[in-house]
Amino acid sequence: METVVNGDCGAQALVEPITVHDFSEKILEQLVHFHVMKLSGGFFLWIGSNPVLSNLALAVNSKYDSVPLSTLVLGDASDTTPSSLAQRLTKKTKKQVFVSYNLPMTDSNLALLVENRIKKEMELHPDKF
């Protein structure tokens, strides 16, 4: 076991840089912006039409269950959209996923179309997630 003194372990660990990827699309007559920050072992995904952070959910894989664990870190607990989306993206990518979903729930199809757009972007640019 290596001893760490003042945060220095003496060896240079390979650390992945945080990378940023942005894309937008008009979905149901609404311009939706997507902001992805790729992290070491996961990613943060912000979805919205205005610059707000009204909620934040986290999902992680569990060694005890095939369904990823998820929790809402910030926001209205009655809105399950960010937690559900984070859970499905974790299941798909096998990574830790943070999701902030900041779109009004005016159309029930919007969330599905947004998720499909994210999956399309994951296929086009898998290195960004």
C-alpha atoms as a PDB file:
ATOM      1  CA  MET A   1       0.000   0.000   0.000  1.00  0.00           C
ATOM      2  CA  GLU A   2       1.305   3.430  -0.958  1.00  0.00           C
ATOM      3  CA  THR A   3       1.403   6.238   1.612  1.00  0.00           C
ATOM      4  CA  VAL A   4       0.050   9.615   0.569  1.00  0.00           C
ATOM      5  CA  VAL A   5       1.713  12.667   2.126  1.00  0.00           C
ATOM      6  CA  ASN A   6       0.023  16.049   1.642  1.00  0.00           C
ATOM      7  CA  GLY A   7      -1.953  14.734  -1.332  1.00  0.00           C
ATOM      8  CA  ASP A   8       1.158  13.607  -3.248  1.00  0.00           C
ATOM      9  CA  CYS A   9       1.354   9.879  -3.883  1.00  0.00           C
ATOM     10  CA  GLY A  10       4.736  10.173  -5.585  1.00  0.00           C
ATOM     11  CA  ALA A  11       3.540   8.587  -8.813  1.00  0.00           C
ATOM     12  CA  GLN A  12       1.932  10.373 -11.714  1.00  0.00           C
ATOM     13  CA  ALA A  13      -1.547   8.939 -12.198  1.00  0.00           C
ATOM     14  CA  LEU A  14      -3.046   9.120 -15.654  1.00  0.00           C
ATOM     15  CA  VAL A  15      -5.948  11.547 -15.348  1.00  0.00           C
ATOM     16  CA  GLU A  16      -8.435  12.012 -18.166  1.00  0.00           C
ATOM     17  CA  PRO A  17      -9.075  15.658 -18.958  1.00  0.00           C
ATOM     18  CA  ILE A  18     -12.640  16.925 -18.759  1.00  0.00           C
ATOM     19  CA  THR A  19     -13.904  17.412 -22.297  1.00  0.00           C
ATOM     20  CA  VAL A  20     -16.928  19.438 -23.356  1.00  0.00           C
ATOM     21  CA  HIS A  21     -19.318  18.723 -26.224  1.00  0.00           C
ATOM     22  CA  ASP A  22     -22.314  20.879 -27.172  1.00  0.00           C
ATOM     23  CA  PHE A  23     -25.095  20.269 -29.690  1.00  0.00           C
ATOM     24  CA  SER A  24     -28.584  21.636 -30.322  1.00  0.00           C
ATOM     25  CA  GLU A  25     -31.690  20.583 -32.180  1.00  0.00           C
ATOM     26  CA  LYS A  26     -35.187  21.879 -32.775  1.00  0.00           C
ATOM     27  CA  ILE A  27     -37.572  19.348 -31.214  1.00  0.00           C
ATOM     28  CA  LEU A  28     -41.338  19.937 -31.367  1.00  0.00           C
ATOM     29  CA  GLU A  29     -40.822  23.584 -32.393  1.00  0.00           C
ATOM     30  CA  GLN A  30     -38.507  24.174 -29.428  1.00  0.00           C
ATOM     31  CA  LEU A  31     -34.746  24.706 -29.690  1.00  0.00           C
ATOM     32  CA  VAL A  32     -33.141  22.305 -27.215  1.00  0.00           C
ATOM     33  CA  HIS A  33     -29.502  22.666 -26.188  1.00  0.00           C
ATOM     34  CA  PHE A  34     -27.356  19.776 -24.929  1.00  0.00           C
ATOM     35  CA  HIS A  35     -24.121  20.243 -22.986  1.00  0.00           C
ATOM     36  CA  VAL A  36     -21.966  17.191 -22.224  1.00  0.00           C
ATOM     37  CA  MET A  37     -18.953  17.209 -19.925  1.00  0.00           C
ATOM     38  CA  LYS A  38     -17.074  13.926 -20.161  1.00  0.00           C
ATOM     39  CA  LEU A  39     -15.561  13.021 -16.799  1.00  0.00           C
ATOM     40  CA  SER A  40     -13.312  10.213 -15.690  1.00  0.00           C
ATOM     41  CA  GLY A  41     -15.684   7.232 -15.498  1.00  0.00           C
ATOM     42  CA  GLY A  42     -18.818   9.116 -16.415  1.00  0.00           C
ATOM     43  CA  PHE A  43     -20.379  12.271 -17.808  1.00  0.00           C
ATOM     44  CA  PHE A  44     -22.564  15.249 -16.917  1.00  0.00           C
ATOM     45  CA  LEU A  45     -25.413  16.037 -19.323  1.00  0.00           C
ATOM     46  CA  TRP A  46     -27.316  19.333 -19.209  1.00  0.00           C
ATOM     47  CA  ILE A  47     -30.464  19.653 -21.329  1.00  0.00           C
ATOM     48  CA  GLY A  48     -32.464  22.846 -21.667  1.00  0.00           C
ATOM     49  CA  SER A  49     -33.613  25.836 -23.643  1.00  0.00           C
ATOM     50  CA  ASN A  50     -32.596  28.509 -21.096  1.00  0.00           C
ATOM     51  CA  PRO A  51     -29.461  28.759 -18.927  1.00  0.00           C
ATOM     52  CA  VAL A  52     -30.889  27.334 -15.676  1.00  0.00           C
ATOM     53  CA  LEU A  53     -30.004  24.407 -13.437  1.00  0.00           C
ATOM     54  CA  SER A  54     -33.353  23.525 -11.880  1.00  0.00           C
ATOM     55  CA  ASN A  55     -32.499  19.911 -11.058  1.00  0.00           C
ATOM     56  CA  LEU A  56     -29.664  17.407 -10.963  1.00  0.00           C
ATOM     57  CA  ALA A  57     -29.890  13.631 -10.866  1.00  0.00           C
ATOM     58  CA  LEU A  58     -27.184  10.997 -10.513  1.00  0.00           C
ATOM     59  CA  ALA A  59     -27.250   7.349 -11.546  1.00  0.00           C
ATOM     60  CA  VAL A  60     -24.625   4.658 -10.958  1.00  0.00           C
ATOM     61  CA  ASN A  61     -24.394   0.951 -11.633  1.00  0.00           C
ATOM     62  CA  SER A  62     -24.935  -1.437  -8.755  1.00  0.00           C
ATOM     63  CA  LYS A  63     -23.208  -4.750  -8.230  1.00  0.00           C
ATOM     64  CA  TYR A  64     -26.358  -5.971  -6.433  1.00  0.00           C
ATOM     65  CA  ASP A  65     -28.948  -5.186  -9.109  1.00  0.00           C
ATOM     66  CA  SER A  66     -29.124  -4.955 -12.902  1.00  0.00           C
ATOM     67  CA  VAL A  67     -31.065  -1.681 -12.570  1.00  0.00           C
ATOM     68  CA  PRO A  68     -28.770   1.304 -11.889  1.00  0.00           C
ATOM     69  CA  LEU A  69     -29.263   3.250  -8.676  1.00  0.00           C
ATOM     70  CA  SER A  70     -30.439   6.840  -9.119  1.00  0.00           C
ATOM     71  CA  THR A  71     -31.169   9.808  -6.917  1.00  0.00           C
ATOM     72  CA  LEU A  72     -32.224  13.402  -7.332  1.00  0.00           C
ATOM     73  CA  VAL A  73     -29.514  15.631  -5.880  1.00  0.00           C
ATOM     74  CA  LEU A  74     -31.256  18.947  -6.606  1.00  0.00           C
ATOM     75  CA  GLY A  75     -34.796  19.873  -7.611  1.00  0.00           C
ATOM     76  CA  ASP A  76     -38.426  18.820  -7.325  1.00  0.00           C
ATOM     77  CA  ALA A  77     -38.680  15.179  -6.241  1.00  0.00           C
ATOM     78  CA  SER A  78     -42.063  14.798  -7.989  1.00  0.00           C
ATOM     79  CA  ASP A  79     -40.338  15.262 -11.376  1.00  0.00           C
ATOM     80  CA  THR A  80     -38.793  11.876 -12.153  1.00  0.00           C
ATOM     81  CA  THR A  81     -37.570  12.822 -15.646  1.00  0.00           C
ATOM     82  CA  PRO A  82     -33.915  13.587 -14.747  1.00  0.00           C
ATOM     83  CA  SER A  83     -33.525  10.506 -12.520  1.00  0.00           C
ATOM     84  CA  SER A  84     -35.163   8.185 -15.060  1.00  0.00           C
ATOM     85  CA  LEU A  85     -33.054   9.526 -17.905  1.00  0.00           C
ATOM     86  CA  ALA A  86     -29.845   9.264 -15.871  1.00  0.00           C
ATOM     87  CA  GLN A  87     -30.750   5.682 -14.982  1.00  0.00           C
ATOM     88  CA  ARG A  88     -31.361   4.671 -18.613  1.00  0.00           C
ATOM     89  CA  LEU A  89     -28.156   6.361 -19.799  1.00  0.00           C
ATOM     90  CA  THR A  90     -26.165   4.609 -17.059  1.00  0.00           C
ATOM     91  CA  LYS A  91     -27.636   1.271 -18.106  1.00  0.00           C
ATOM     92  CA  LYS A  92     -26.703   2.002 -21.740  1.00  0.00           C
ATOM     93  CA  THR A  93     -23.172   3.323 -21.125  1.00  0.00           C
ATOM     94  CA  LYS A  94     -22.210   1.451 -17.922  1.00  0.00           C
ATOM     95  CA  LYS A  95     -20.949   4.817 -16.613  1.00  0.00           C
ATOM     96  CA  GLN A  96     -21.831   7.169 -13.789  1.00  0.00           C
ATOM     97  CA  VAL A  97     -24.215   9.773 -15.236  1.00  0.00           C
ATOM     98  CA  PHE A  98     -25.306  13.186 -13.953  1.00  0.00           C
ATOM     99  CA  VAL A  99     -28.368  14.665 -15.694  1.00  0.00           C
ATOM    100  CA  SER A 100     -29.908  18.109 -15.442  1.00  0.00           C
ATOM    101  CA  TYR A 101     -33.154  18.195 -17.461  1.00  0.00           C
ATOM    102  CA  ASN A 102     -34.457  21.758 -17.730  1.00  0.00           C
ATOM    103  CA  LEU A 103     -37.333  21.601 -20.209  1.00  0.00           C
ATOM    104  CA  PRO A 104     -41.011  22.214 -19.424  1.00  0.00           C
ATOM    105  CA  MET A 105     -43.250  19.164 -19.432  1.00  0.00           C
ATOM    106  CA  THR A 106     -45.667  20.630 -21.990  1.00  0.00           C
ATOM    107  CA  ASP A 107     -45.686  17.594 -24.288  1.00  0.00           C
ATOM    108  CA  SER A 108     -45.347  13.992 -23.172  1.00  0.00           C
ATOM    109  CA  ASN A 109     -43.441  13.141 -26.366  1.00  0.00           C
ATOM    110  CA  LEU A 110     -40.734  15.744 -25.727  1.00  0.00           C
ATOM    111  CA  ALA A 111     -38.765  13.669 -23.194  1.00  0.00           C
ATOM    112  CA  LEU A 112     -38.786  10.645 -25.512  1.00  0.00           C
ATOM    113  CA  LEU A 113     -37.633  12.706 -28.498  1.00  0.00           C
ATOM    114  CA  VAL A 114     -34.909  14.336 -26.392  1.00  0.00           C
ATOM    115  CA  GLU A 115     -33.671  10.923 -25.244  1.00  0.00           C
ATOM    116  CA  ASN A 116     -33.647   9.650 -28.834  1.00  0.00           C
ATOM    117  CA  ARG A 117     -31.581  12.680 -29.874  1.00  0.00           C
ATOM    118  CA  ILE A 118     -29.072  11.957 -27.098  1.00  0.00           C
ATOM    119  CA  LYS A 119     -28.772   8.323 -28.203  1.00  0.00           C
ATOM    120  CA  LYS A 120     -28.237   9.455 -31.801  1.00  0.00           C
ATOM    121  CA  GLU A 121     -25.442  11.785 -30.657  1.00  0.00           C
ATOM    122  CA  MET A 122     -23.900   8.918 -28.651  1.00  0.00           C
ATOM    123  CA  GLU A 123     -23.784   6.840 -31.819  1.00  0.00           C
ATOM    124  CA  LEU A 124     -22.275   9.699 -33.851  1.00  0.00           C
ATOM    125  CA  HIS A 125     -19.732  10.755 -31.187  1.00  0.00           C
ATOM    126  CA  PRO A 126     -19.189   7.917 -28.666  1.00  0.00           C
ATOM    127  CA  ASP A 127     -15.881   9.472 -27.573  1.00  0.00           C
ATOM    128  CA  LYS A 128     -17.750  12.533 -26.187  1.00  0.00           C
ATOM    129  CA  PHE A 129     -19.679  10.547 -23.564  1.00  0.00           C
END
